[in-house]
Amino acid sequence: MILRAKRTRRFCLFAVPLAWVLAIARVATAVEVGDKAPDFTLPSTTGGNVILRQFQGRKLVLLEFYVSDFRPT
């Protein structure tokens, strides 16, 4: 039973992010190199939200995504 739970967890940790990436791939193809990125809001790791337009005027914005049970220390 425990082995089945581990397999299910491993599958979900792989399948859910993959499904998310494939689902947004259609949106991503609408943006071409050199285009302005569409504004979006994401939850931050410290609470609250981060909005892309908060970084307007900066030369570079780096986004890092982590699985829900891992956060950098």
N, C-alpha and C. Protein backbone atom coordinates (compact mmCIF):
# COMPACT_ATOMS: atom_id res chain seq x y z
N MET A 1 0.82 -1.19 0.00
CA MET A 1 0.00 0.00 0.00
C MET A 1 0.86 1.26 0.00
N ILE A 2 1.93 1.24 0.80
CA ILE A 2 2.82 2.40 0.87
C ILE A 2 3.51 2.61 -0.47
N LEU A 3 3.89 1.53 -1.13
CA LEU A 3 4.54 1.63 -2.44
C LEU A 3 3.61 2.29 -3.45
N ARG A 4 2.34 1.93 -3.41
CA ARG A 4 1.36 2.52 -4.33
C ARG A 4 1.23 4.02 -4.06
N ALA A 5 1.23 4.43 -2.82
CA ALA A 5 1.13 5.84 -2.46
C ALA A 5 2.36 6.60 -2.95
N LYS A 6 3.53 5.99 -2.83
CA LYS A 6 4.75 6.64 -3.32
C LYS A 6 4.71 6.81 -4.83
N ARG A 7 4.24 5.77 -5.52
CA ARG A 7 4.14 5.86 -6.99
C ARG A 7 3.15 6.94 -7.40
N THR A 8 2.02 6.99 -6.71
CA THR A 8 1.01 8.01 -7.02
C THR A 8 1.57 9.40 -6.78
N ARG A 9 2.27 9.58 -5.67
CA ARG A 9 2.87 10.89 -5.36
C ARG A 9 3.90 11.27 -6.42
N ARG A 10 4.76 10.34 -6.78
CA ARG A 10 5.78 10.60 -7.79
C ARG A 10 5.13 10.96 -9.13
N PHE A 11 4.08 10.24 -9.49
CA PHE A 11 3.37 10.52 -10.73
C PHE A 11 2.77 11.93 -10.70
N CYS A 12 2.14 12.30 -9.59
CA CYS A 12 1.53 13.62 -9.48
C CYS A 12 2.57 14.73 -9.52
N LEU A 13 3.71 14.50 -8.87
CA LEU A 13 4.77 15.51 -8.88
C LEU A 13 5.32 15.73 -10.28
N PHE A 14 5.22 14.74 -11.13
CA PHE A 14 5.67 14.88 -12.51
C PHE A 14 4.54 15.33 -13.42
N ALA A 15 3.38 14.71 -13.30
CA ALA A 15 2.28 14.94 -14.25
C ALA A 15 1.63 16.31 -14.09
N VAL A 16 1.44 16.77 -12.87
CA VAL A 16 0.75 18.04 -12.66
C VAL A 16 1.55 19.21 -13.24
N PRO A 17 2.84 19.36 -12.93
CA PRO A 17 3.58 20.46 -13.57
C PRO A 17 3.66 20.32 -15.10
N LEU A 18 3.78 19.09 -15.59
CA LEU A 18 3.82 18.89 -17.03
C LEU A 18 2.51 19.31 -17.67
N ALA A 19 1.39 18.94 -17.07
CA ALA A 19 0.08 19.34 -17.60
C ALA A 19 -0.07 20.85 -17.58
N TRP A 20 0.43 21.49 -16.53
CA TRP A 20 0.35 22.95 -16.43
C TRP A 20 1.17 23.60 -17.55
N VAL A 21 2.37 23.11 -17.77
CA VAL A 21 3.23 23.66 -18.83
C VAL A 21 2.58 23.48 -20.19
N LEU A 22 2.03 22.31 -20.44
CA LEU A 22 1.37 22.06 -21.72
C LEU A 22 0.13 22.92 -21.89
N ALA A 23 -0.59 23.16 -20.81
CA ALA A 23 -1.80 23.98 -20.89
C ALA A 23 -1.48 25.43 -21.21
N ILE A 24 -0.39 25.96 -20.66
CA ILE A 24 -0.06 27.35 -20.94
C ILE A 24 0.79 27.52 -22.19
N ALA A 25 1.20 26.42 -22.81
CA ALA A 25 2.02 26.51 -24.02
C ALA A 25 1.29 27.28 -25.11
N ARG A 26 -0.01 27.14 -25.17
CA ARG A 26 -0.78 27.88 -26.18
C ARG A 26 -0.68 29.38 -25.94
N VAL A 27 -0.71 29.80 -24.68
CA VAL A 27 -0.59 31.21 -24.35
C VAL A 27 0.82 31.69 -24.66
N ALA A 28 1.81 30.87 -24.33
CA ALA A 28 3.20 31.26 -24.53
C ALA A 28 3.53 31.47 -26.00
N THR A 29 2.88 30.74 -26.90
CA THR A 29 3.18 30.91 -28.31
C THR A 29 2.66 32.23 -28.85
N ALA A 30 1.77 32.89 -28.11
CA ALA A 30 1.25 34.18 -28.56
C ALA A 30 2.27 35.30 -28.35
N VAL A 31 3.31 35.06 -27.58
CA VAL A 31 4.34 36.06 -27.31
C VAL A 31 5.56 35.72 -28.14
N GLU A 32 6.02 36.67 -28.90
CA GLU A 32 7.20 36.48 -29.74
C GLU A 32 8.42 37.11 -29.07
N VAL A 33 9.59 36.70 -29.49
CA VAL A 33 10.83 37.29 -28.98
C VAL A 33 10.81 38.78 -29.30
N GLY A 34 11.12 39.59 -28.30
CA GLY A 34 11.12 41.03 -28.47
C GLY A 34 9.82 41.69 -28.04
N ASP A 35 8.74 40.91 -27.89
CA ASP A 35 7.46 41.45 -27.42
C ASP A 35 7.55 41.73 -25.92
N LYS A 36 6.71 42.65 -25.46
CA LYS A 36 6.61 42.88 -24.03
C LYS A 36 5.85 41.72 -23.41
N ALA A 37 6.27 41.31 -22.24
CA ALA A 37 5.60 40.22 -21.53
C ALA A 37 4.24 40.69 -21.03
N PRO A 38 3.24 39.83 -21.09
CA PRO A 38 1.93 40.22 -20.54
C PRO A 38 2.03 40.32 -19.02
N ASP A 39 1.29 41.26 -18.44
CA ASP A 39 1.30 41.42 -17.00
C ASP A 39 0.64 40.22 -16.33
N PHE A 40 1.19 39.80 -15.20
CA PHE A 40 0.61 38.68 -14.46
C PHE A 40 0.89 38.86 -12.98
N THR A 41 0.15 38.13 -12.17
CA THR A 41 0.30 38.15 -10.72
C THR A 41 0.53 36.73 -10.23
N LEU A 42 1.54 36.56 -9.37
CA LEU A 42 1.86 35.26 -8.79
C LEU A 42 1.99 35.39 -7.28
N PRO A 43 1.65 34.34 -6.54
CA PRO A 43 1.85 34.39 -5.09
C PRO A 43 3.34 34.32 -4.76
N SER A 44 3.76 35.09 -3.76
CA SER A 44 5.16 35.06 -3.35
C SER A 44 5.36 34.03 -2.25
N THR A 45 6.59 33.68 -1.99
CA THR A 45 6.90 32.69 -0.95
C THR A 45 6.80 33.30 0.45
N THR A 46 6.74 34.62 0.54
CA THR A 46 6.66 35.29 1.83
C THR A 46 5.26 35.79 2.14
N GLY A 47 4.29 35.40 1.32
CA GLY A 47 2.92 35.89 1.49
C GLY A 47 2.66 37.05 0.56
N GLY A 48 1.42 37.29 0.25
CA GLY A 48 1.09 38.36 -0.67
C GLY A 48 1.29 37.93 -2.11
N ASN A 49 1.31 38.91 -2.99
CA ASN A 49 1.45 38.65 -4.42
C ASN A 49 2.58 39.47 -5.01
N VAL A 50 3.11 38.99 -6.10
CA VAL A 50 4.11 39.73 -6.88
C VAL A 50 3.50 39.99 -8.24
N ILE A 51 3.52 41.23 -8.67
CA ILE A 51 2.94 41.63 -9.95
C ILE A 51 4.08 42.03 -10.87
N LEU A 52 4.06 41.54 -12.09
CA LEU A 52 5.16 41.81 -13.03
C LEU A 52 5.38 43.30 -13.22
N ARG A 53 4.32 44.09 -13.28
CA ARG A 53 4.50 45.53 -13.53
C ARG A 53 5.26 46.24 -12.42
N GLN A 54 5.41 45.59 -11.24
CA GLN A 54 6.21 46.18 -10.16
C GLN A 54 7.68 46.31 -10.57
N PHE A 55 8.08 45.53 -11.55
CA PHE A 55 9.48 45.52 -11.99
C PHE A 55 9.67 46.29 -13.30
N GLN A 56 8.68 47.05 -13.70
CA GLN A 56 8.76 47.81 -14.95
C GLN A 56 9.94 48.77 -14.90
N GLY A 57 10.68 48.82 -15.97
CA GLY A 57 11.84 49.69 -16.06
C GLY A 57 13.15 48.99 -15.74
N ARG A 58 13.08 47.81 -15.17
CA ARG A 58 14.30 47.04 -14.91
C ARG A 58 14.70 46.31 -16.18
N LYS A 59 15.98 46.09 -16.33
CA LYS A 59 16.49 45.45 -17.54
C LYS A 59 16.18 43.95 -17.57
N LEU A 60 16.20 43.29 -16.41
CA LEU A 60 16.06 41.84 -16.37
C LEU A 60 15.20 41.44 -15.18
N VAL A 61 14.30 40.49 -15.41
CA VAL A 61 13.50 39.89 -14.34
C VAL A 61 13.67 38.39 -14.46
N LEU A 62 14.10 37.74 -13.38
CA LEU A 62 14.31 36.29 -13.37
C LEU A 62 13.22 35.64 -12.54
N LEU A 63 12.55 34.65 -13.12
CA LEU A 63 11.51 33.90 -12.41
C LEU A 63 12.01 32.50 -12.12
N GLU A 64 11.84 32.05 -10.88
CA GLU A 64 12.19 30.68 -10.51
C GLU A 64 10.94 30.01 -9.97
N PHE A 65 10.66 28.80 -10.44
CA PHE A 65 9.49 28.06 -9.99
C PHE A 65 9.96 26.81 -9.25
N TYR A 66 9.30 26.51 -8.14
CA TYR A 66 9.64 25.36 -7.31
C TYR A 66 8.40 24.50 -7.12
N VAL A 67 8.60 23.21 -6.91
CA VAL A 67 7.47 22.35 -6.55
C VAL A 67 6.99 22.76 -5.17
N SER A 68 5.75 22.48 -4.85
CA SER A 68 5.14 23.01 -3.64
C SER A 68 5.80 22.54 -2.34
N ASP A 69 6.44 21.39 -2.33
CA ASP A 69 7.05 20.92 -1.08
C ASP A 69 8.53 21.26 -0.97
N PHE A 70 9.04 22.09 -1.87
CA PHE A 70 10.44 22.51 -1.81
C PHE A 70 10.51 24.01 -1.96
N ARG A 71 11.22 24.65 -1.04
CA ARG A 71 11.46 26.09 -1.15
C ARG A 71 12.91 26.33 -0.77
N PRO A 72 13.57 27.24 -1.45
CA PRO A 72 14.98 27.51 -1.11
C PRO A 72 15.07 28.11 0.28
N THR A 73 16.18 27.86 0.94
CA THR A 73 16.37 28.40 2.29
C THR A 73 17.24 29.62 2.26
